[in-house]
Amino acid sequence: MIGRARIKLSPWQQAAVAVGSAVGALFDPRRADLIAALGETTGKPAFERVLERMKRSPEGRAVLHERPRVISAKVGHAWDLPENTFGAAYARFMGSRNFSPDDRPPVRFMDTDELAYVAMRAREVHDFWHTLFGLPTNLIGESALKVIEFEQMYLPMCLLSVVGGTARFNEKQRTLFFQHYFPWAVKAGMQCTDLMCVYYEQHFHEDLEDVRRKWGIIQAPTAPK
């Protein structure tokens, strides 16, 4: 379910939830619920812009009309697809990390069903983007993907996540990120197609390299030895 119990907040309540979530997530970045709450309470204008872009895109409109969900019951067939396909690459990414697509927290703080779906969609396609860009799920990889997400959606939460993530880098990680991953992520996020307007599930059967070319995806750089 997109939002089992959506909560309507006044402006000052939104601010309080945003500040509390930001502080909590800074101390414990593993708290997906806090990161989600931060994204929702600070991201409404950004999600509204994404919604309008999706409405102008044929594929985006199809996503809004059909409201596909990235959950096991809907994407489980990816595990049975040929090895070269985008769907199989996504399945390998998830399986190698013992991830489940069902683990995303529900949307709670969006005003309308449409915005709630857009927020949920942004959350659920995160692992598709990991697969397409070839990014690991370590601190550097997640920070780099947040740069791309910011380029694509201008969500304040993405920028805050980059700041928080880089603050936890050691000296070697910081040098690696800012010399290699950050410049790449800025270019990759600007060059690729509007990723929120892609109906990924309809492309599972296509060759991974073909969809990367079609969507203008630049793969992540290989970390120097």
Protein backbone atom coordinates (compact mmCIF):
# COMPACT_ATOMS: atom_id res chain seq x y z
CA MET A 1 0.00 0.00 0.00
CA ILE A 2 1.30 3.46 -0.89
CA GLY A 3 0.24 5.07 2.37
CA ARG A 4 -1.62 2.99 4.91
CA ALA A 5 -2.45 6.06 7.01
CA ARG A 6 -1.51 9.35 5.39
CA ILE A 7 -1.21 12.19 7.89
CA LYS A 8 -2.15 15.78 7.11
CA LEU A 9 0.25 18.22 8.77
CA SER A 10 0.12 21.95 9.31
CA PRO A 11 3.15 23.94 8.07
CA TRP A 12 4.72 24.10 11.53
CA GLN A 13 4.13 20.38 12.04
CA GLN A 14 5.81 19.66 8.70
CA ALA A 15 8.77 21.75 9.78
CA ALA A 16 8.97 19.92 13.11
CA VAL A 17 8.85 16.50 11.44
CA ALA A 18 11.46 17.59 8.89
CA VAL A 19 13.88 18.85 11.54
CA GLY A 20 13.35 15.83 13.77
CA SER A 21 13.79 13.43 10.86
CA ALA A 22 16.94 15.21 9.66
CA VAL A 23 18.55 15.08 13.10
CA GLY A 24 17.54 11.46 13.64
CA ALA A 25 18.77 10.37 10.21
CA LEU A 26 22.09 12.13 10.76
CA PHE A 27 22.68 10.11 13.93
CA ASP A 28 21.36 6.86 12.42
CA PRO A 29 21.47 6.81 8.58
CA ARG A 30 19.99 3.28 8.60
CA ARG A 31 16.61 4.66 9.65
CA ALA A 32 14.79 4.46 6.32
CA ASP A 33 11.58 5.72 7.94
CA LEU A 34 13.26 8.96 9.03
CA ILE A 35 14.85 9.50 5.63
CA ALA A 36 11.46 8.88 4.00
CA ALA A 37 9.74 11.36 6.33
CA LEU A 38 12.41 13.97 5.57
CA GLY A 39 11.92 13.47 1.85
CA GLU A 40 8.16 13.85 2.09
CA THR A 41 8.02 16.86 4.40
CA THR A 42 10.61 18.84 2.44
CA GLY A 43 9.88 17.55 -1.05
CA LYS A 44 6.31 18.48 -1.97
CA PRO A 45 7.24 21.22 -4.51
CA ALA A 46 9.78 18.88 -6.13
CA PHE A 47 7.28 16.03 -6.33
CA GLU A 48 4.71 18.40 -7.85
CA ARG A 49 7.20 19.29 -10.60
CA VAL A 50 7.96 15.61 -11.21
CA LEU A 51 4.22 14.91 -11.44
CA GLU A 52 3.78 17.60 -14.09
CA ARG A 53 6.70 16.22 -16.11
CA MET A 54 5.24 12.73 -15.94
CA LYS A 55 1.90 14.02 -17.19
CA ARG A 56 3.65 15.50 -20.25
CA SER A 57 5.42 12.22 -21.08
CA PRO A 58 3.59 9.33 -22.80
CA GLU A 59 5.45 6.76 -20.73
CA GLY A 60 5.11 8.87 -17.60
CA ARG A 61 1.36 9.13 -18.15
CA ALA A 62 1.16 5.36 -18.47
CA VAL A 63 2.95 5.00 -15.12
CA LEU A 64 0.53 7.44 -13.48
CA HIS A 65 -2.48 5.70 -15.02
CA GLU A 66 -1.48 2.12 -14.17
CA ARG A 67 0.45 2.89 -10.96
CA PRO A 68 2.83 -0.10 -11.09
CA ARG A 69 4.41 -1.10 -7.79
CA VAL A 70 7.94 -2.41 -7.33
CA ILE A 71 7.03 -5.24 -4.98
CA SER A 72 7.81 -8.95 -5.07
CA ALA A 73 4.39 -9.88 -6.40
CA LYS A 74 4.87 -7.58 -9.41
CA VAL A 75 8.58 -7.86 -10.27
CA GLY A 76 9.30 -11.47 -9.28
CA HIS A 77 9.39 -12.54 -12.94
CA ALA A 78 12.64 -10.59 -13.34
CA TRP A 79 14.45 -13.52 -11.70
CA ASP A 80 13.43 -15.75 -14.65
CA LEU A 81 14.58 -13.47 -17.47
CA PRO A 82 17.65 -14.09 -19.68
CA GLU A 83 20.97 -13.09 -18.15
CA ASN A 84 21.62 -10.15 -20.50
CA THR A 85 18.37 -8.35 -19.73
CA PHE A 86 17.75 -5.31 -17.55
CA GLY A 87 15.32 -7.34 -15.45
CA ALA A 88 17.87 -10.07 -14.78
CA ALA A 89 20.51 -7.48 -13.85
CA TYR A 90 18.07 -5.96 -11.36
CA ALA A 91 17.35 -9.42 -9.93
CA ARG A 92 21.08 -10.09 -9.53
CA PHE A 93 21.56 -6.75 -7.82
CA MET A 94 18.79 -7.49 -5.34
CA GLY A 95 19.68 -11.14 -4.79
CA SER A 96 23.40 -10.56 -4.27
CA ARG A 97 22.58 -8.18 -1.42
CA ASN A 98 19.64 -10.13 -0.02
CA PHE A 99 17.43 -7.08 -0.62
CA SER A 100 13.64 -7.28 -0.87
CA PRO A 101 11.57 -4.83 -2.92
CA ASP A 102 8.93 -5.04 -0.19
CA ASP A 103 11.06 -3.24 2.42
CA ARG A 104 10.27 0.36 1.44
CA PRO A 105 8.38 2.38 4.09
CA PRO A 106 4.91 3.68 3.14
CA VAL A 107 4.25 7.30 2.19
CA ARG A 108 2.61 9.20 5.05
CA PHE A 109 2.87 12.94 4.50
CA MET A 110 1.69 13.69 0.94
CA ASP A 111 -1.54 15.66 0.45
CA THR A 112 -3.02 13.76 -2.50
CA ASP A 113 -3.09 10.19 -3.79
CA GLU A 114 -1.29 11.31 -6.95
CA LEU A 115 1.58 12.95 -5.08
CA ALA A 116 1.75 10.00 -2.70
CA TYR A 117 2.18 7.68 -5.67
CA VAL A 118 4.92 9.86 -7.20
CA ALA A 119 6.77 9.87 -3.86
CA MET A 120 6.40 6.10 -3.59
CA ARG A 121 7.54 5.61 -7.17
CA ALA A 122 10.66 7.71 -6.56
CA ARG A 123 11.42 5.53 -3.55
CA GLU A 124 10.78 2.23 -5.34
CA VAL A 125 12.82 2.88 -8.51
CA HIS A 126 15.94 3.60 -6.44
CA ASP A 127 17.29 0.08 -6.96
CA PHE A 128 16.59 0.24 -10.70
CA TRP A 129 18.90 3.26 -10.79
CA HIS A 130 21.57 1.42 -8.81
CA THR A 131 21.40 -1.33 -11.44
CA LEU A 132 21.48 0.98 -14.44
CA PHE A 133 24.35 3.16 -13.22
CA GLY A 134 26.32 0.23 -11.79
CA LEU A 135 26.63 1.81 -8.36
CA PRO A 136 27.42 -0.15 -5.18
CA THR A 137 25.34 0.25 -2.04
CA ASN A 138 28.20 1.43 0.17
CA LEU A 139 28.41 4.99 1.47
CA ILE A 140 30.16 6.29 -1.64
CA GLY A 141 27.71 4.59 -4.00
CA GLU A 142 24.65 5.82 -2.14
CA SER A 143 26.02 9.37 -1.95
CA ALA A 144 26.75 9.36 -5.68
CA LEU A 145 23.24 8.14 -6.47
CA LYS A 146 21.78 10.87 -4.28
CA VAL A 147 23.62 13.40 -6.47
CA ILE A 148 21.91 11.90 -9.52
CA GLU A 149 18.55 11.88 -7.74
CA PHE A 150 19.01 15.55 -6.91
CA GLU A 151 19.85 16.35 -10.54
CA GLN A 152 16.70 14.49 -11.60
CA MET A 153 14.19 15.65 -8.98
CA TYR A 154 15.72 18.55 -6.99
CA LEU A 155 14.61 16.96 -3.74
CA PRO A 156 16.15 18.77 -0.75
CA MET A 157 16.48 15.42 1.02
CA CYS A 158 18.91 14.22 -1.67
CA LEU A 159 21.17 17.22 -1.14
CA LEU A 160 21.00 16.79 2.64
CA SER A 161 21.85 13.09 2.23
CA VAL A 162 24.94 13.96 0.19
CA VAL A 163 26.07 16.44 2.83
CA GLY A 164 25.42 13.93 5.61
CA GLY A 165 27.05 11.08 3.71
CA THR A 166 30.21 12.95 2.82
CA ALA A 167 30.54 14.15 6.42
CA ARG A 168 31.00 10.51 7.43
CA PHE A 169 33.73 9.82 4.84
CA ASN A 170 37.28 9.20 5.94
CA GLU A 171 40.02 11.08 4.07
CA LYS A 172 40.51 8.37 1.44
CA GLN A 173 36.77 8.09 0.77
CA ARG A 174 36.39 11.86 0.54
CA THR A 175 39.18 12.13 -2.02
CA LEU A 176 37.76 9.24 -4.06
CA PHE A 177 34.26 10.68 -4.01
CA PHE A 178 35.08 14.25 -4.96
CA GLN A 179 37.74 13.38 -7.54
CA HIS A 180 35.91 10.53 -9.28
CA TYR A 181 32.29 9.95 -8.28
CA PHE A 182 30.94 13.46 -7.73
CA PRO A 183 31.94 14.90 -11.15
CA TRP A 184 30.66 11.74 -12.83
CA ALA A 185 27.33 11.85 -10.94
CA VAL A 186 26.69 15.49 -11.86
CA LYS A 187 27.29 14.73 -15.55
CA ALA A 188 25.36 11.45 -15.45
CA GLY A 189 22.33 13.00 -13.78
CA MET A 190 22.18 15.85 -16.29
CA GLN A 191 22.83 13.78 -19.41
CA CYS A 192 20.38 10.90 -18.95
CA THR A 193 16.68 10.92 -19.78
CA ASP A 194 14.02 11.99 -17.29
CA LEU A 195 14.22 8.83 -15.21
CA MET A 196 10.93 9.38 -13.39
CA CYS A 197 9.13 9.19 -16.74
CA VAL A 198 10.37 5.67 -17.52
CA TYR A 199 8.08 2.64 -17.16
CA TYR A 200 10.94 0.36 -16.13
CA GLU A 201 8.90 -2.80 -15.78
CA GLN A 202 7.99 -2.69 -19.48
CA HIS A 203 11.71 -2.79 -20.34
CA PHE A 204 12.73 -5.71 -18.12
CA HIS A 205 13.01 -8.02 -21.15
CA GLU A 206 15.36 -5.68 -23.05
CA ASP A 207 19.14 -5.97 -23.14
CA LEU A 208 20.75 -4.03 -20.28
CA GLU A 209 23.26 -2.24 -22.50
CA ASP A 210 20.52 -1.32 -24.97
CA VAL A 211 18.41 0.42 -22.33
CA ARG A 212 21.47 2.18 -20.96
CA ARG A 213 22.16 3.62 -24.40
CA LYS A 214 18.50 4.46 -24.99
CA TRP A 215 18.23 6.37 -21.70
CA GLY A 216 21.64 8.05 -21.92
CA ILE A 217 23.02 6.25 -18.87
CA ILE A 218 26.72 6.77 -18.13
CA GLN A 219 27.98 3.95 -15.92
CA ALA A 220 29.81 4.71 -12.70
CA PRO A 221 33.61 4.97 -12.92
CA THR A 222 35.75 2.13 -11.72
CA ALA A 223 37.39 3.04 -8.45
CA PRO A 224 41.19 3.35 -8.83
CA LYS A 225 43.27 0.71 -7.11
